């Protein structure tokens, strides 16, 4: 399984070089997009004047959307505190994406520097 994070989706929708790498993964059967990613994309869409409904339809056609279970929510705080103490900058949304990936034993597809150097990550 592969969790697609916000960075990866944004690069794909921008049509960037990194987005072309994301495109190679879009035919995978076990792609997952956490609901927190959809919230971030909604904000990005509002800022950039993108059609969020179209983006959402596409994302739903290519990946499974996962809501946040209580067990994932419980892990978020631990991951957030642990990673923030190591790096100084590590967002709560990053911790949430990590917790989702960990809960389903998945890798994270991203280009977000907060995730570099981890074996559970596919950097684009």
C-alpha atoms as a PDB file:
ATOM      1  CA  UNK A   1       0.000   0.000   0.000  1.00  0.00           C
ATOM      2  CA  UNK A   2       1.043   3.563  -0.676  1.00  0.00           C
ATOM      3  CA  UNK A   3      -0.285   6.690   1.043  1.00  0.00           C
ATOM      4  CA  UNK A   4      -0.291   9.685  -1.300  1.00  0.00           C
ATOM      5  CA  UNK A   5       0.350  12.880   0.625  1.00  0.00           C
ATOM      6  CA  UNK A   6      -0.561  16.469  -0.191  1.00  0.00           C
ATOM      7  CA  UNK A   7       2.835  17.314  -1.671  1.00  0.00           C
ATOM      8  CA  UNK A   8       2.531  14.476  -4.183  1.00  0.00           C
ATOM      9  CA  UNK A   9      -1.007  15.416  -5.255  1.00  0.00           C
ATOM     10  CA  UNK A  10      -0.097  19.088  -5.639  1.00  0.00           C
ATOM     11  CA  UNK A  11       2.899  18.236  -7.815  1.00  0.00           C
ATOM     12  CA  UNK A  12       0.719  15.959  -9.926  1.00  0.00           C
ATOM     13  CA  UNK A  13      -1.937  18.635 -10.447  1.00  0.00           C
ATOM     14  CA  UNK A  14       0.743  21.219 -11.275  1.00  0.00           C
ATOM     15  CA  UNK A  15       2.108  18.883 -13.955  1.00  0.00           C
ATOM     16  CA  UNK A  16       5.654  19.270 -12.635  1.00  0.00           C
ATOM     17  CA  UNK A  17       8.581  16.872 -13.096  1.00  0.00           C
ATOM     18  CA  UNK A  18       7.859  15.461  -9.657  1.00  0.00           C
ATOM     19  CA  UNK A  19       4.212  15.220 -10.670  1.00  0.00           C
ATOM     20  CA  UNK A  20       5.238  12.968 -13.570  1.00  0.00           C
ATOM     21  CA  UNK A  21       6.790  10.603 -11.037  1.00  0.00           C
ATOM     22  CA  UNK A  22       3.521  10.607  -9.076  1.00  0.00           C
ATOM     23  CA  UNK A  23       1.678   9.787 -12.302  1.00  0.00           C
ATOM     24  CA  UNK A  24       3.680   6.560 -12.564  1.00  0.00           C
ATOM     25  CA  UNK A  25       2.107   5.414  -9.276  1.00  0.00           C
ATOM     26  CA  UNK A  26      -1.492   6.300 -10.140  1.00  0.00           C
ATOM     27  CA  UNK A  27      -2.216   2.911 -11.667  1.00  0.00           C
ATOM     28  CA  UNK A  28      -1.275   1.126  -8.459  1.00  0.00           C
ATOM     29  CA  UNK A  29      -4.213  -0.736  -6.971  1.00  0.00           C
ATOM     30  CA  UNK A  30      -3.527   0.041  -3.334  1.00  0.00           C
ATOM     31  CA  UNK A  31      -3.255   3.835  -3.201  1.00  0.00           C
ATOM     32  CA  UNK A  32      -4.672   5.607  -0.180  1.00  0.00           C
ATOM     33  CA  UNK A  33      -5.340   9.288   0.435  1.00  0.00           C
ATOM     34  CA  UNK A  34      -5.977  10.289   4.061  1.00  0.00           C
ATOM     35  CA  UNK A  35      -8.859  12.683   4.645  1.00  0.00           C
ATOM     36  CA  UNK A  36      -6.423  15.230   6.131  1.00  0.00           C
ATOM     37  CA  UNK A  37      -4.801  15.443   2.683  1.00  0.00           C
ATOM     38  CA  UNK A  38      -8.174  16.349   1.199  1.00  0.00           C
ATOM     39  CA  UNK A  39      -8.504  19.168   3.726  1.00  0.00           C
ATOM     40  CA  UNK A  40      -5.084  20.501   2.762  1.00  0.00           C
ATOM     41  CA  UNK A  41      -5.965  20.225  -0.930  1.00  0.00           C
ATOM     42  CA  UNK A  42      -9.223  22.062  -0.310  1.00  0.00           C
ATOM     43  CA  UNK A  43      -7.234  24.937   1.182  1.00  0.00           C
ATOM     44  CA  UNK A  44      -4.733  24.876  -1.684  1.00  0.00           C
ATOM     45  CA  UNK A  45      -7.604  24.843  -4.180  1.00  0.00           C
ATOM     46  CA  UNK A  46      -9.207  27.872  -2.566  1.00  0.00           C
ATOM     47  CA  UNK A  47      -5.903  29.735  -2.590  1.00  0.00           C
ATOM     48  CA  UNK A  48      -5.049  28.846  -6.208  1.00  0.00           C
ATOM     49  CA  UNK A  49      -8.628  29.009  -7.491  1.00  0.00           C
ATOM     50  CA  UNK A  50      -8.574  25.342  -8.539  1.00  0.00           C
ATOM     51  CA  UNK A  51     -11.796  23.378  -8.965  1.00  0.00           C
ATOM     52  CA  UNK A  52     -11.689  21.222  -5.839  1.00  0.00           C
ATOM     53  CA  UNK A  53     -14.680  19.103  -6.926  1.00  0.00           C
ATOM     54  CA  UNK A  54     -12.822  18.015 -10.053  1.00  0.00           C
ATOM     55  CA  UNK A  55      -9.647  17.272  -8.106  1.00  0.00           C
ATOM     56  CA  UNK A  56     -11.604  15.297  -5.531  1.00  0.00           C
ATOM     57  CA  UNK A  57     -13.360  13.231  -8.199  1.00  0.00           C
ATOM     58  CA  UNK A  58     -10.015  12.387  -9.764  1.00  0.00           C
ATOM     59  CA  UNK A  59      -8.409  11.489  -6.435  1.00  0.00           C
ATOM     60  CA  UNK A  60     -11.355   9.245  -5.568  1.00  0.00           C
ATOM     61  CA  UNK A  61     -11.016   7.494  -8.930  1.00  0.00           C
ATOM     62  CA  UNK A  62      -7.337   6.724  -8.263  1.00  0.00           C
ATOM     63  CA  UNK A  63      -7.176   6.074  -4.525  1.00  0.00           C
ATOM     64  CA  UNK A  64      -9.143   5.004  -1.506  1.00  0.00           C
ATOM     65  CA  UNK A  65     -10.000   7.795   0.918  1.00  0.00           C
ATOM     66  CA  UNK A  66      -9.286   6.979   4.555  1.00  0.00           C
ATOM     67  CA  UNK A  67     -10.880   8.812   7.435  1.00  0.00           C
ATOM     68  CA  UNK A  68      -9.184   9.120  10.786  1.00  0.00           C
ATOM     69  CA  UNK A  69      -9.862   6.284  13.201  1.00  0.00           C
ATOM     70  CA  UNK A  70      -9.405   6.751  16.928  1.00  0.00           C
ATOM     71  CA  UNK A  71      -6.320   4.527  16.894  1.00  0.00           C
ATOM     72  CA  UNK A  72      -4.726   6.750  14.240  1.00  0.00           C
ATOM     73  CA  UNK A  73      -5.634   9.889  16.153  1.00  0.00           C
ATOM     74  CA  UNK A  74      -4.000   8.434  19.282  1.00  0.00           C
ATOM     75  CA  UNK A  75      -0.759   7.799  17.353  1.00  0.00           C
ATOM     76  CA  UNK A  76      -0.634  11.315  15.906  1.00  0.00           C
ATOM     77  CA  UNK A  77       0.407  13.016  19.114  1.00  0.00           C
ATOM     78  CA  UNK A  78       3.215  10.552  19.786  1.00  0.00           C
ATOM     79  CA  UNK A  79       4.565  10.834  16.254  1.00  0.00           C
ATOM     80  CA  UNK A  80       4.241  14.620  16.303  1.00  0.00           C
ATOM     81  CA  UNK A  81       6.161  15.019  19.587  1.00  0.00           C
ATOM     82  CA  UNK A  82       8.821  12.465  18.625  1.00  0.00           C
ATOM     83  CA  UNK A  83       9.517  13.956  15.193  1.00  0.00           C
ATOM     84  CA  UNK A  84       9.313  17.552  16.349  1.00  0.00           C
ATOM     85  CA  UNK A  85      11.923  16.854  19.029  1.00  0.00           C
ATOM     86  CA  UNK A  86      14.241  15.425  16.332  1.00  0.00           C
ATOM     87  CA  UNK A  87      13.720  18.012  13.609  1.00  0.00           C
ATOM     88  CA  UNK A  88      12.172  21.071  15.167  1.00  0.00           C
ATOM     89  CA  UNK A  89       9.804  21.467  12.235  1.00  0.00           C
ATOM     90  CA  UNK A  90       7.301  18.706  11.739  1.00  0.00           C
ATOM     91  CA  UNK A  91       3.640  19.494  11.274  1.00  0.00           C
ATOM     92  CA  UNK A  92       0.617  17.910  12.836  1.00  0.00           C
ATOM     93  CA  UNK A  93      -0.702  17.072   9.369  1.00  0.00           C
ATOM     94  CA  UNK A  94       2.593  15.300   8.627  1.00  0.00           C
ATOM     95  CA  UNK A  95       2.176  13.324  11.835  1.00  0.00           C
ATOM     96  CA  UNK A  96      -1.369  12.427  10.830  1.00  0.00           C
ATOM     97  CA  UNK A  97      -0.276  11.212   7.389  1.00  0.00           C
ATOM     98  CA  UNK A  98       2.499   9.175   9.011  1.00  0.00           C
ATOM     99  CA  UNK A  99       0.056   7.677  11.531  1.00  0.00           C
ATOM    100  CA  UNK A 100      -2.333   6.669   8.732  1.00  0.00           C
ATOM    101  CA  UNK A 101       0.509   5.039   6.788  1.00  0.00           C
ATOM    102  CA  UNK A 102       1.772   3.248   9.879  1.00  0.00           C
ATOM    103  CA  UNK A 103      -1.716   1.975  10.725  1.00  0.00           C
ATOM    104  CA  UNK A 104      -2.066   0.242   7.338  1.00  0.00           C
ATOM    105  CA  UNK A 105       1.603  -0.729   6.970  1.00  0.00           C
ATOM    106  CA  UNK A 106       2.070   1.520   3.934  1.00  0.00           C
ATOM    107  CA  UNK A 107       4.788   3.687   2.455  1.00  0.00           C
ATOM    108  CA  UNK A 108       4.280   7.432   1.954  1.00  0.00           C
ATOM    109  CA  UNK A 109       4.624   8.940  -1.532  1.00  0.00           C
ATOM    110  CA  UNK A 110       5.902  12.487  -1.057  1.00  0.00           C
ATOM    111  CA  UNK A 111       8.506  15.085  -1.812  1.00  0.00           C
ATOM    112  CA  UNK A 112       8.079  16.771   1.569  1.00  0.00           C
ATOM    113  CA  UNK A 113      11.513  17.229   3.137  1.00  0.00           C
ATOM    114  CA  UNK A 114      10.071  16.469   6.583  1.00  0.00           C
ATOM    115  CA  UNK A 115       9.855  12.830   5.509  1.00  0.00           C
ATOM    116  CA  UNK A 116      13.285  12.383   3.904  1.00  0.00           C
ATOM    117  CA  UNK A 117      15.652   9.756   5.254  1.00  0.00           C
ATOM    118  CA  UNK A 118      12.905   7.379   6.369  1.00  0.00           C
ATOM    119  CA  UNK A 119      12.639   3.898   4.900  1.00  0.00           C
ATOM    120  CA  UNK A 120       8.825   4.111   4.943  1.00  0.00           C
ATOM    121  CA  UNK A 121       8.900   6.921   2.373  1.00  0.00           C
ATOM    122  CA  UNK A 122       9.075   7.057  -1.403  1.00  0.00           C
ATOM    123  CA  UNK A 123      10.616  10.454  -2.166  1.00  0.00           C
ATOM    124  CA  UNK A 124       9.706  12.016  -5.510  1.00  0.00           C
END
